[in-house]
PDB file of N, CA and C in Angstrom:
ATOM      1  N   UNK A   1      83.585  97.741 115.809  1.00  0.00           N
ATOM      2  CA  UNK A   1      84.478  96.598 115.869  1.00  0.00           C
ATOM      3  C   UNK A   1      84.147  95.657 114.715  1.00  0.00           C
ATOM      4  N   UNK A   2      85.208  95.134 114.103  1.00  0.00           N
ATOM      5  CA  UNK A   2      85.076  94.144 113.041  1.00  0.00           C
ATOM      6  C   UNK A   2      85.355  92.772 113.643  1.00  0.00           C
ATOM      7  N   UNK A   3      84.523  91.791 113.303  1.00  0.00           N
ATOM      8  CA  UNK A   3      84.703  90.421 113.778  1.00  0.00           C
ATOM      9  C   UNK A   3      85.103  89.529 112.625  1.00  0.00           C
ATOM     10  N   UNK A   4      86.109  88.696 112.868  1.00  0.00           N
ATOM     11  CA  UNK A   4      86.546  87.693 111.903  1.00  0.00           C
ATOM     12  C   UNK A   4      86.384  86.311 112.529  1.00  0.00           C
ATOM     13  N   UNK A   5      86.028  85.344 111.690  1.00  0.00           N
ATOM     14  CA  UNK A   5      86.038  83.946 112.111  1.00  0.00           C
ATOM     15  C   UNK A   5      87.371  83.341 111.674  1.00  0.00           C
ATOM     16  N   UNK A   6      87.970  82.563 112.565  1.00  0.00           N
ATOM     17  CA  UNK A   6      89.250  81.920 112.283  1.00  0.00           C
ATOM     18  C   UNK A   6      89.158  80.448 112.663  1.00  0.00           C
ATOM     19  N   UNK A   7      89.920  79.625 111.965  1.00  0.00           N
ATOM     20  CA  UNK A   7      89.880  78.184 112.235  1.00  0.00           C
ATOM     21  C   UNK A   7      90.679  77.822 113.486  1.00  0.00           C
ATOM     22  N   UNK A   8      91.797  78.512 113.711  1.00  0.00           N
ATOM     23  CA  UNK A   8      92.691  78.206 114.824  1.00  0.00           C
ATOM     24  C   UNK A   8      92.930  79.494 115.619  1.00  0.00           C
ATOM     25  N   UNK A   9      92.303  79.604 116.762  1.00  0.00           N
ATOM     26  CA  UNK A   9      92.373  80.818 117.566  1.00  0.00           C
ATOM     27  C   UNK A   9      93.794  81.102 118.058  1.00  0.00           C
ATOM     28  N   UNK A  10      94.555  80.068 118.390  1.00  0.00           N
ATOM     29  CA  UNK A  10      95.931  80.277 118.856  1.00  0.00           C
ATOM     30  C   UNK A  10      96.824  80.810 117.739  1.00  0.00           C
ATOM     31  N   UNK A  11      96.692  80.265 116.537  1.00  0.00           N
ATOM     32  CA  UNK A  11      97.475  80.752 115.398  1.00  0.00           C
ATOM     33  C   UNK A  11      97.080  82.191 115.060  1.00  0.00           C
ATOM     34  N   UNK A  12      95.793  82.479 115.139  1.00  0.00           N
ATOM     35  CA  UNK A  12      95.317  83.839 114.861  1.00  0.00           C
ATOM     36  C   UNK A  12      95.841  84.805 115.919  1.00  0.00           C
ATOM     37  N   UNK A  13      95.864  84.388 117.167  1.00  0.00           N
ATOM     38  CA  UNK A  13      96.396  85.234 118.246  1.00  0.00           C
ATOM     39  C   UNK A  13      97.852  85.600 117.955  1.00  0.00           C
ATOM     40  N   UNK A  14      98.642  84.633 117.552  1.00  0.00           N
ATOM     41  CA  UNK A  14     100.044  84.892 117.237  1.00  0.00           C
ATOM     42  C   UNK A  14     100.163  85.864 116.064  1.00  0.00           C
ATOM     43  N   UNK A  15      99.359  85.689 115.034  1.00  0.00           N
ATOM     44  CA  UNK A  15      99.421  86.566 113.866  1.00  0.00           C
ATOM     45  C   UNK A  15      99.065  88.003 114.239  1.00  0.00           C
ATOM     46  N   UNK A  16      97.934  88.197 114.899  1.00  0.00           N
ATOM     47  CA  UNK A  16      97.475  89.561 115.199  1.00  0.00           C
ATOM     48  C   UNK A  16      98.366  90.255 116.228  1.00  0.00           C
ATOM     49  N   UNK A  17      98.882  89.504 117.206  1.00  0.00           N
ATOM     50  CA  UNK A  17      99.731  90.118 118.232  1.00  0.00           C
ATOM     51  C   UNK A  17     101.177  90.261 117.764  1.00  0.00           C
ATOM     52  N   UNK A  18     101.765  89.179 117.271  1.00  0.00           N
ATOM     53  CA  UNK A  18     103.193  89.195 116.960  1.00  0.00           C
ATOM     54  C   UNK A  18     103.499  89.752 115.577  1.00  0.00           C
ATOM     55  N   UNK A  19     102.709  89.422 114.584  1.00  0.00           N
ATOM     56  CA  UNK A  19     102.995  89.869 113.217  1.00  0.00           C
ATOM     57  C   UNK A  19     102.448  91.277 112.981  1.00  0.00           C
ATOM     58  N   UNK A  20     101.173  91.502 113.335  1.00  0.00           N
ATOM     59  CA  UNK A  20     100.583  92.822 113.110  1.00  0.00           C
ATOM     60  C   UNK A  20     100.843  93.793 114.257  1.00  0.00           C
ATOM     61  N   UNK A  21     101.210  93.291 115.417  1.00  0.00           N
ATOM     62  CA  UNK A  21     101.542  94.163 116.538  1.00  0.00           C
ATOM     63  C   UNK A  21     100.349  94.790 117.236  1.00  0.00           C
ATOM     64  N   UNK A  22      99.190  94.126 117.159  1.00  0.00           N
ATOM     65  CA  UNK A  22      98.009  94.634 117.853  1.00  0.00           C
ATOM     66  C   UNK A  22      98.045  94.213 119.313  1.00  0.00           C
ATOM     67  N   UNK A  23      97.410  94.990 120.150  1.00  0.00           N
ATOM     68  CA  UNK A  23      97.344  94.698 121.583  1.00  0.00           C
ATOM     69  C   UNK A  23      96.111  93.849 121.872  1.00  0.00           C
ATOM     70  N   UNK A  24      96.313  92.719 122.530  1.00  0.00           N
ATOM     71  CA  UNK A  24      95.179  91.896 122.948  1.00  0.00           C
ATOM     72  C   UNK A  24      94.563  92.547 124.179  1.00  0.00           C
ATOM     73  N   UNK A  25      93.293  92.912 124.086  1.00  0.00           N
ATOM     74  CA  UNK A  25      92.649  93.626 125.179  1.00  0.00           C
ATOM     75  C   UNK A  25      91.571  92.810 125.885  1.00  0.00           C
ATOM     76  N   UNK A  26      91.196  91.682 125.297  1.00  0.00           N
ATOM     77  CA  UNK A  26      90.159  90.862 125.918  1.00  0.00           C
ATOM     78  C   UNK A  26      90.266  89.436 125.410  1.00  0.00           C
ATOM     79  N   UNK A  27      90.049  88.484 126.306  1.00  0.00           N
ATOM     80  CA  UNK A  27      90.018  87.073 125.940  1.00  0.00           C
ATOM     81  C   UNK A  27      88.886  86.413 126.713  1.00  0.00           C
ATOM     82  N   UNK A  28      88.059  85.700 125.991  1.00  0.00           N
ATOM     83  CA  UNK A  28      86.961  84.951 126.604  1.00  0.00           C
ATOM     84  C   UNK A  28      86.919  83.593 125.923  1.00  0.00           C
ATOM     85  N   UNK A  29      86.089  82.714 126.394  1.00  0.00           N
ATOM     86  CA  UNK A  29      85.974  81.388 125.800  1.00  0.00           C
ATOM     87  C   UNK A  29      85.633  81.502 124.316  1.00  0.00           C
ATOM     88  N   UNK A  30      86.595  81.100 123.479  1.00  0.00           N
ATOM     89  CA  UNK A  30      86.353  81.087 122.043  1.00  0.00           C
ATOM     90  C   UNK A  30      86.385  82.440 121.353  1.00  0.00           C
ATOM     91  N   UNK A  31      86.891  83.479 122.024  1.00  0.00           N
ATOM     92  CA  UNK A  31      86.931  84.805 121.399  1.00  0.00           C
ATOM     93  C   UNK A  31      88.104  85.626 121.933  1.00  0.00           C
ATOM     94  N   UNK A  32      88.644  86.477 121.059  1.00  0.00           N
ATOM     95  CA  UNK A  32      89.722  87.396 121.418  1.00  0.00           C
ATOM     96  C   UNK A  32      89.403  88.760 120.826  1.00  0.00           C
ATOM     97  N   UNK A  33      89.877  89.822 121.482  1.00  0.00           N
ATOM     98  CA  UNK A  33      89.711  91.170 120.951  1.00  0.00           C
ATOM     99  C   UNK A  33      91.074  91.859 120.969  1.00  0.00           C
ATOM    100  N   UNK A  34      91.403  92.483 119.834  1.00  0.00           N
ATOM    101  CA  UNK A  34      92.656  93.209 119.665  1.00  0.00           C
ATOM    102  C   UNK A  34      92.357  94.651 119.336  1.00  0.00           C
ATOM    103  N   UNK A  35      93.334  95.532 119.658  1.00  0.00           N
ATOM    104  CA  UNK A  35      93.142  96.960 119.390  1.00  0.00           C
ATOM    105  C   UNK A  35      94.470  97.593 118.991  1.00  0.00           C
ATOM    106  N   UNK A  36      94.353  98.543 118.068  1.00  0.00           N
ATOM    107  CA  UNK A  36      95.450  99.480 117.771  1.00  0.00           C
ATOM    108  C   UNK A  36      94.774 100.803 117.429  1.00  0.00           C
ATOM    109  N   UNK A  37      95.076 101.829 118.207  1.00  0.00           N
ATOM    110  CA  UNK A  37      94.423 103.120 117.981  1.00  0.00           C
ATOM    111  C   UNK A  37      92.909 102.972 118.094  1.00  0.00           C
ATOM    112  N   UNK A  38      92.208 103.435 117.077  1.00  0.00           N
ATOM    113  CA  UNK A  38      90.746 103.360 117.059  1.00  0.00           C
ATOM    114  C   UNK A  38      90.223 102.017 116.535  1.00  0.00           C
ATOM    115  N   UNK A  39      91.096 101.220 115.926  1.00  0.00           N
ATOM    116  CA  UNK A  39      90.677  99.954 115.316  1.00  0.00           C
ATOM    117  C   UNK A  39      90.556  98.856 116.363  1.00  0.00           C
ATOM    118  N   UNK A  40      89.439  98.142 116.326  1.00  0.00           N
ATOM    119  CA  UNK A  40      89.236  96.978 117.179  1.00  0.00           C
ATOM    120  C   UNK A  40      88.847  95.807 116.302  1.00  0.00           C
ATOM    121  N   UNK A  41      89.520  94.676 116.530  1.00  0.00           N
ATOM    122  CA  UNK A  41      89.258  93.465 115.771  1.00  0.00           C
ATOM    123  C   UNK A  41      88.937  92.356 116.753  1.00  0.00           C
ATOM    124  N   UNK A  42      87.799  91.718 116.546  1.00  0.00           N
ATOM    125  CA  UNK A  42      87.403  90.580 117.353  1.00  0.00           C
ATOM    126  C   UNK A  42      87.590  89.301 116.553  1.00  0.00           C
ATOM    127  N   UNK A  43      88.039  88.252 117.206  1.00  0.00           N
ATOM    128  CA  UNK A  43      88.211  86.950 116.571  1.00  0.00           C
ATOM    129  C   UNK A  43      87.382  85.921 117.310  1.00  0.00           C
ATOM    130  N   UNK A  44      86.728  85.079 116.550  1.00  0.00           N
ATOM    131  CA  UNK A  44      85.982  83.978 117.135  1.00  0.00           C
ATOM    132  C   UNK A  44      86.239  82.740 116.292  1.00  0.00           C
ATOM    133  N   UNK A  45      86.185  81.591 116.916  1.00  0.00           N
ATOM    134  CA  UNK A  45      86.466  80.358 116.195  1.00  0.00           C
ATOM    135  C   UNK A  45      85.295  80.013 115.285  1.00  0.00           C
ATOM    136  N   UNK A  46      85.625  79.615 114.056  1.00  0.00           N
ATOM    137  CA  UNK A  46      84.610  79.231 113.090  1.00  0.00           C
ATOM    138  C   UNK A  46      85.177  79.238 111.693  1.00  0.00           C
ATOM    139  N   UNK A  47      84.328  79.032 110.721  1.00  0.00           N
ATOM    140  CA  UNK A  47      84.743  79.024 109.317  1.00  0.00           C
ATOM    141  C   UNK A  47      84.765  80.456 108.796  1.00  0.00           C
ATOM    142  N   UNK A  48      85.905  80.907 108.276  1.00  0.00           N
ATOM    143  CA  UNK A  48      86.011  82.285 107.775  1.00  0.00           C
ATOM    144  C   UNK A  48      85.017  82.555 106.641  1.00  0.00           C
ATOM    145  N   UNK A  49      84.556  83.810 106.564  1.00  0.00           N
ATOM    146  CA  UNK A  49      83.652  84.230 105.498  1.00  0.00           C
ATOM    147  C   UNK A  49      84.480  84.656 104.292  1.00  0.00           C
ATOM    148  N   UNK A  50      84.084  84.211 103.106  1.00  0.00           N
ATOM    149  CA  UNK A  50      84.839  84.551 101.903  1.00  0.00           C
ATOM    150  C   UNK A  50      84.805  86.046 101.611  1.00  0.00           C
ATOM    151  N   UNK A  51      83.664  86.660 101.727  1.00  0.00           N
ATOM    152  CA  UNK A  51      83.529  88.102 101.474  1.00  0.00           C
ATOM    153  C   UNK A  51      83.119  88.817 102.750  1.00  0.00           C
ATOM    154  N   UNK A  52      83.876  88.569 103.813  1.00  0.00           N
ATOM    155  CA  UNK A  52      83.540  89.138 105.109  1.00  0.00           C
ATOM    156  C   UNK A  52      83.954  90.600 105.235  1.00  0.00           C
ATOM    157  N   UNK A  53      83.844  91.142 106.420  1.00  0.00           N
ATOM    158  CA  UNK A  53      84.170  92.549 106.669  1.00  0.00           C
ATOM    159  C   UNK A  53      85.671  92.800 106.523  1.00  0.00           C
ATOM    160  N   UNK A  54      86.032  94.070 106.446  1.00  0.00           N
ATOM    161  CA  UNK A  54      87.437  94.454 106.313  1.00  0.00           C
ATOM    162  C   UNK A  54      87.754  95.516 107.364  1.00  0.00           C
ATOM    163  N   UNK A  55      88.695  95.202 108.244  1.00  0.00           N
ATOM    164  CA  UNK A  55      89.148  96.161 109.251  1.00  0.00           C
ATOM    165  C   UNK A  55      90.238  97.034 108.647  1.00  0.00           C
ATOM    166  N   UNK A  56      90.292  98.298 109.075  1.00  0.00           N
ATOM    167  CA  UNK A  56      91.335  99.212 108.628  1.00  0.00           C
ATOM    168  C   UNK A  56      92.146  99.645 109.843  1.00  0.00           C
ATOM    169  N   UNK A  57      93.475  99.495 109.716  1.00  0.00           N
ATOM    170  CA  UNK A  57      94.389  99.824 110.805  1.00  0.00           C
ATOM    171  C   UNK A  57      95.358 100.889 110.312  1.00  0.00           C
ATOM    172  N   UNK A  58      95.521 101.950 111.076  1.00  0.00           N
ATOM    173  CA  UNK A  58      96.454 103.018 110.726  1.00  0.00           C
ATOM    174  C   UNK A  58      97.893 102.565 110.948  1.00  0.00           C
ATOM    175  N   UNK A  59      98.761 102.909 109.982  1.00  0.00           N
ATOM    176  CA  UNK A  59     100.195 102.657 110.100  1.00  0.00           C
ATOM    177  C   UNK A  59     100.943 103.908 109.672  1.00  0.00           C
ATOM    178  N   UNK A  60     102.210 104.000 110.054  1.00  0.00           N
ATOM    179  CA  UNK A  60     103.022 105.172 109.701  1.00  0.00           C
ATOM    180  C   UNK A  60     103.597 105.072 108.298  1.00  0.00           C
ATOM    181  N   UNK A  61     103.886 103.838 107.826  1.00  0.00           N
ATOM    182  CA  UNK A  61     104.530 103.665 106.524  1.00  0.00           C
ATOM    183  C   UNK A  61     104.041 102.363 105.895  1.00  0.00           C
ATOM    184  N   UNK A  62     103.070 102.465 105.003  1.00  0.00           N
ATOM    185  CA  UNK A  62     102.473 101.286 104.368  1.00  0.00           C
ATOM    186  C   UNK A  62     103.490 100.515 103.533  1.00  0.00           C
ATOM    187  N   UNK A  63     104.380 101.223 102.844  1.00  0.00           N
ATOM    188  CA  UNK A  63     105.387 100.557 102.009  1.00  0.00           C
ATOM    189  C   UNK A  63     106.348  99.735 102.866  1.00  0.00           C
ATOM    190  N   UNK A  64     106.793 100.288 103.966  1.00  0.00           N
ATOM    191  CA  UNK A  64     107.690  99.555 104.864  1.00  0.00           C
ATOM    192  C   UNK A  64     106.982  98.349 105.474  1.00  0.00           C
ATOM    193  N   UNK A  65     105.707  98.524 105.823  1.00  0.00           N
ATOM    194  CA  UNK A  65     104.934  97.406 106.371  1.00  0.00           C
ATOM    195  C   UNK A  65     104.784  96.292 105.337  1.00  0.00           C
ATOM    196  N   UNK A  66     104.562  96.660 104.077  1.00  0.00           N
ATOM    197  CA  UNK A  66     104.440  95.660 103.010  1.00  0.00           C
ATOM    198  C   UNK A  66     105.719  94.828 102.915  1.00  0.00           C
ATOM    199  N   UNK A  67     106.865  95.486 102.921  1.00  0.00           N
ATOM    200  CA  UNK A  67     108.146  94.777 102.846  1.00  0.00           C
ATOM    201  C   UNK A  67     108.358  93.881 104.056  1.00  0.00           C
ATOM    202  N   UNK A  68     108.091  94.422 105.240  1.00  0.00           N
ATOM    203  CA  UNK A  68     108.278  93.652 106.476  1.00  0.00           C
ATOM    204  C   UNK A  68     107.392  92.415 106.488  1.00  0.00           C
ATOM    205  N   UNK A  69     106.124  92.590 106.136  1.00  0.00           N
ATOM    206  CA  UNK A  69     105.188  91.471 106.157  1.00  0.00           C
ATOM    207  C   UNK A  69     105.545  90.416 105.116  1.00  0.00           C
ATOM    208  N   UNK A  70     105.993  90.849 103.951  1.00  0.00           N
ATOM    209  CA  UNK A  70     106.418  89.883 102.926  1.00  0.00           C
ATOM    210  C   UNK A  70     107.574  89.026 103.438  1.00  0.00           C
ATOM    211  N   UNK A  71     108.533  89.647 104.139  1.00  0.00           N
ATOM    212  CA  UNK A  71     109.663  88.873 104.669  1.00  0.00           C
ATOM    213  C   UNK A  71     109.209  87.901 105.752  1.00  0.00           C
ATOM    214  N   UNK A  72     108.067  88.194 106.390  1.00  0.00           N
ATOM    215  CA  UNK A  72     107.493  87.294 107.402  1.00  0.00           C
ATOM    216  C   UNK A  72     106.663  86.181 106.758  1.00  0.00           C
ATOM    217  N   UNK A  73     106.520  86.237 105.411  1.00  0.00           N
ATOM    218  CA  UNK A  73     105.745  85.214 104.711  1.00  0.00           C
ATOM    219  C   UNK A  73     104.251  85.474 104.698  1.00  0.00           C
ATOM    220  N   UNK A  74     103.845  86.708 105.006  1.00  0.00           N
ATOM    221  CA  UNK A  74     102.426  87.071 105.041  1.00  0.00           C
ATOM    222  C   UNK A  74     101.966  87.433 103.634  1.00  0.00           C
ATOM    223  N   UNK A  75     100.776  87.005 103.279  1.00  0.00           N
ATOM    224  CA  UNK A  75     100.198  87.359 101.983  1.00  0.00           C
ATOM    225  C   UNK A  75      99.733  88.814 102.028  1.00  0.00           C
ATOM    226  N   UNK A  76     100.296  89.640 101.146  1.00  0.00           N
ATOM    227  CA  UNK A  76      99.922  91.053 101.069  1.00  0.00           C
ATOM    228  C   UNK A  76      99.704  91.425  99.609  1.00  0.00           C
ATOM    229  N   UNK A  77      98.928  92.474  99.405  1.00  0.00           N
ATOM    230  CA  UNK A  77      98.709  92.999  98.061  1.00  0.00           C
ATOM    231  C   UNK A  77      99.760  94.047  97.757  1.00  0.00           C
ATOM    232  N   UNK A  78      99.438  94.928  96.817  1.00  0.00           N
ATOM    233  CA  UNK A  78     100.337  96.030  96.494  1.00  0.00           C
ATOM    234  C   UNK A  78      99.859  97.273  97.237  1.00  0.00           C
ATOM    235  N   UNK A  79     100.767  98.193  97.464  1.00  0.00           N
ATOM    236  CA  UNK A  79     100.413  99.445  98.123  1.00  0.00           C
ATOM    237  C   UNK A  79      99.741 100.339  97.088  1.00  0.00           C
ATOM    238  N   UNK A  80      98.514 100.750  97.356  1.00  0.00           N
ATOM    239  CA  UNK A  80      97.775 101.650  96.478  1.00  0.00           C
ATOM    240  C   UNK A  80      97.742 103.030  97.102  1.00  0.00           C
ATOM    241  N   UNK A  81      97.967 104.053  96.279  1.00  0.00           N
ATOM    242  CA  UNK A  81      97.901 105.430  96.763  1.00  0.00           C
ATOM    243  C   UNK A  81      96.755 106.139  96.068  1.00  0.00           C
ATOM    244  N   UNK A  82      95.935 106.822  96.854  1.00  0.00           N
ATOM    245  CA  UNK A  82      94.764 107.515  96.341  1.00  0.00           C
ATOM    246  C   UNK A  82      94.929 109.018  96.494  1.00  0.00           C
ATOM    247  N   UNK A  83      95.048 109.705  95.369  1.00  0.00           N
ATOM    248  CA  UNK A  83      95.063 111.177  95.297  1.00  0.00           C
ATOM    249  C   UNK A  83      96.066 111.819  96.243  1.00  0.00           C
ATOM    250  N   UNK A  84      97.184 111.157  96.499  1.00  0.00           N
ATOM    251  CA  UNK A  84      98.195 111.735  97.370  1.00  0.00           C
ATOM    252  C   UNK A  84      97.735 111.942  98.797  1.00  0.00           C
ATOM    253  N   UNK A  85      96.650 111.266  99.195  1.00  0.00           N
ATOM    254  CA  UNK A  85      96.105 111.448 100.546  1.00  0.00           C
ATOM    255  C   UNK A  85      96.258 110.224 101.440  1.00  0.00           C
ATOM    256  N   UNK A  86      96.129 109.028 100.850  1.00  0.00           N
ATOM    257  CA  UNK A  86      96.163 107.810 101.658  1.00  0.00           C
ATOM    258  C   UNK A  86      96.796 106.685 100.860  1.00  0.00           C
ATOM    259  N   UNK A  87      97.566 105.866 101.552  1.00  0.00           N
ATOM    260  CA  UNK A  87      98.097 104.627 100.981  1.00  0.00           C
ATOM    261  C   UNK A  87      97.429 103.477 101.708  1.00  0.00           C
ATOM    262  N   UNK A  88      97.028 102.467 100.956  1.00  0.00           N
ATOM    263  CA  UNK A  88      96.335 101.317 101.533  1.00  0.00           C
ATOM    264  C   UNK A  88      97.013 100.036 101.072  1.00  0.00           C
ATOM    265  N   UNK A  89      97.161  99.114 102.009  1.00  0.00           N
ATOM    266  CA  UNK A  89      97.756  97.810 101.743  1.00  0.00           C
ATOM    267  C   UNK A  89      96.810  96.729 102.249  1.00  0.00           C
ATOM    268  N   UNK A  90      96.443  95.801 101.363  1.00  0.00           N
ATOM    269  CA  UNK A  90      95.654  94.644 101.780  1.00  0.00           C
ATOM    270  C   UNK A  90      96.582  93.591 102.367  1.00  0.00           C
ATOM    271  N   UNK A  91      96.215  93.088 103.541  1.00  0.00           N
ATOM    272  CA  UNK A  91      96.955  92.043 104.236  1.00  0.00           C
ATOM    273  C   UNK A  91      95.963  90.933 104.534  1.00  0.00           C
ATOM    274  N   UNK A  92      96.409  89.679 104.427  1.00  0.00           N
ATOM    275  CA  UNK A  92      95.516  88.550 104.655  1.00  0.00           C
ATOM    276  C   UNK A  92      96.047  87.704 105.806  1.00  0.00           C
ATOM    277  N   UNK A  93      95.171  87.441 106.774  1.00  0.00           N
ATOM    278  CA  UNK A  93      95.576  86.608 107.899  1.00  0.00           C
ATOM    279  C   UNK A  93      95.667  85.147 107.440  1.00  0.00           C
ATOM    280  N   UNK A  94      96.113  84.231 108.296  1.00  0.00           N
ATOM    281  CA  UNK A  94      96.277  82.831 107.877  1.00  0.00           C
ATOM    282  C   UNK A  94      94.997  82.169 107.374  1.00  0.00           C
ATOM    283  N   UNK A  95      93.835  82.716 107.716  1.00  0.00           N
ATOM    284  CA  UNK A  95      92.564  82.157 107.258  1.00  0.00           C
ATOM    285  C   UNK A  95      91.996  82.889 106.053  1.00  0.00           C
ATOM    286  N   UNK A  96      92.744  83.859 105.527  1.00  0.00           N
ATOM    287  CA  UNK A  96      92.288  84.593 104.345  1.00  0.00           C
ATOM    288  C   UNK A  96      91.446  85.811 104.638  1.00  0.00           C
ATOM    289  N   UNK A  97      91.246  86.157 105.915  1.00  0.00           N
ATOM    290  CA  UNK A  97      90.519  87.381 106.253  1.00  0.00           C
ATOM    291  C   UNK A  97      91.355  88.582 105.818  1.00  0.00           C
ATOM    292  N   UNK A  98      90.710  89.571 105.196  1.00  0.00           N
ATOM    293  CA  UNK A  98      91.426  90.742 104.673  1.00  0.00           C
ATOM    294  C   UNK A  98      91.400  91.879 105.685  1.00  0.00           C
ATOM    295  N   UNK A  99      92.586  92.436 105.915  1.00  0.00           N
ATOM    296  CA  UNK A  99      92.771  93.604 106.772  1.00  0.00           C
ATOM    297  C   UNK A  99      93.435  94.663 105.896  1.00  0.00           C
ATOM    298  N   UNK A 100      93.075  95.913 106.056  1.00  0.00           N
ATOM    299  CA  UNK A 100      93.741  96.969 105.312  1.00  0.00           C
ATOM    300  C   UNK A 100      94.582  97.814 106.251  1.00  0.00           C
ATOM    301  N   UNK A 101      95.838  98.014 105.865  1.00  0.00           N
ATOM    302  CA  UNK A 101      96.710  98.932 106.588  1.00  0.00           C
ATOM    303  C   UNK A 101      96.673 100.242 105.832  1.00  0.00           C
ATOM    304  N   UNK A 102      96.432 101.344 106.541  1.00  0.00           N
ATOM    305  CA  UNK A 102      96.244 102.655 105.900  1.00  0.00           C
ATOM    306  C   UNK A 102      97.241 103.666 106.454  1.00  0.00           C
ATOM    307  N   UNK A 103      97.866 104.401 105.535  1.00  0.00           N
ATOM    308  CA  UNK A 103      98.809 105.454 105.883  1.00  0.00           C
ATOM    309  C   UNK A 103      98.286 106.782 105.352  1.00  0.00           C
ATOM    310  N   UNK A 104      98.146 107.762 106.220  1.00  0.00           N
ATOM    311  CA  UNK A 104      97.750 109.117 105.829  1.00  0.00           C
ATOM    312  C   UNK A 104      98.995 109.807 105.298  1.00  0.00           C
ATOM    313  N   UNK A 105      98.991 110.210 104.023  1.00  0.00           N
ATOM    314  CA  UNK A 105     100.186 110.813 103.410  1.00  0.00           C
ATOM    315  C   UNK A 105     100.016 112.307 103.137  1.00  0.00           C
ATOM    316  N   UNK A 106      99.035 112.944 103.715  1.00  0.00           N
ATOM    317  CA  UNK A 106      98.815 114.365 103.503  1.00  0.00           C
ATOM    318  C   UNK A 106      99.885 115.193 104.160  1.00  0.00           C
TER     319      UNK A 106
END
């Protein structure tokens, strides 16, 4: 599990659940846990780390996700493809935490 610190837990909950479509599986005082497939992301209130960990979430179409997220006003990078095997997209939550969306293209 990857843990991120966020300044506003309610805003982060909306981003991870509504924008990224992750399932909230646990909520405790000052902490939330989300899951999609094998990926688990924990959120706790605090000051985000500049060079913190990076969670990777599987998606079916990284290019489509990039377009969708851009229309939602989410900060995203460019879709990178590695050796015709995987496409990766950097996505940044409202606090600047980096998440990677990965598409298996084999």
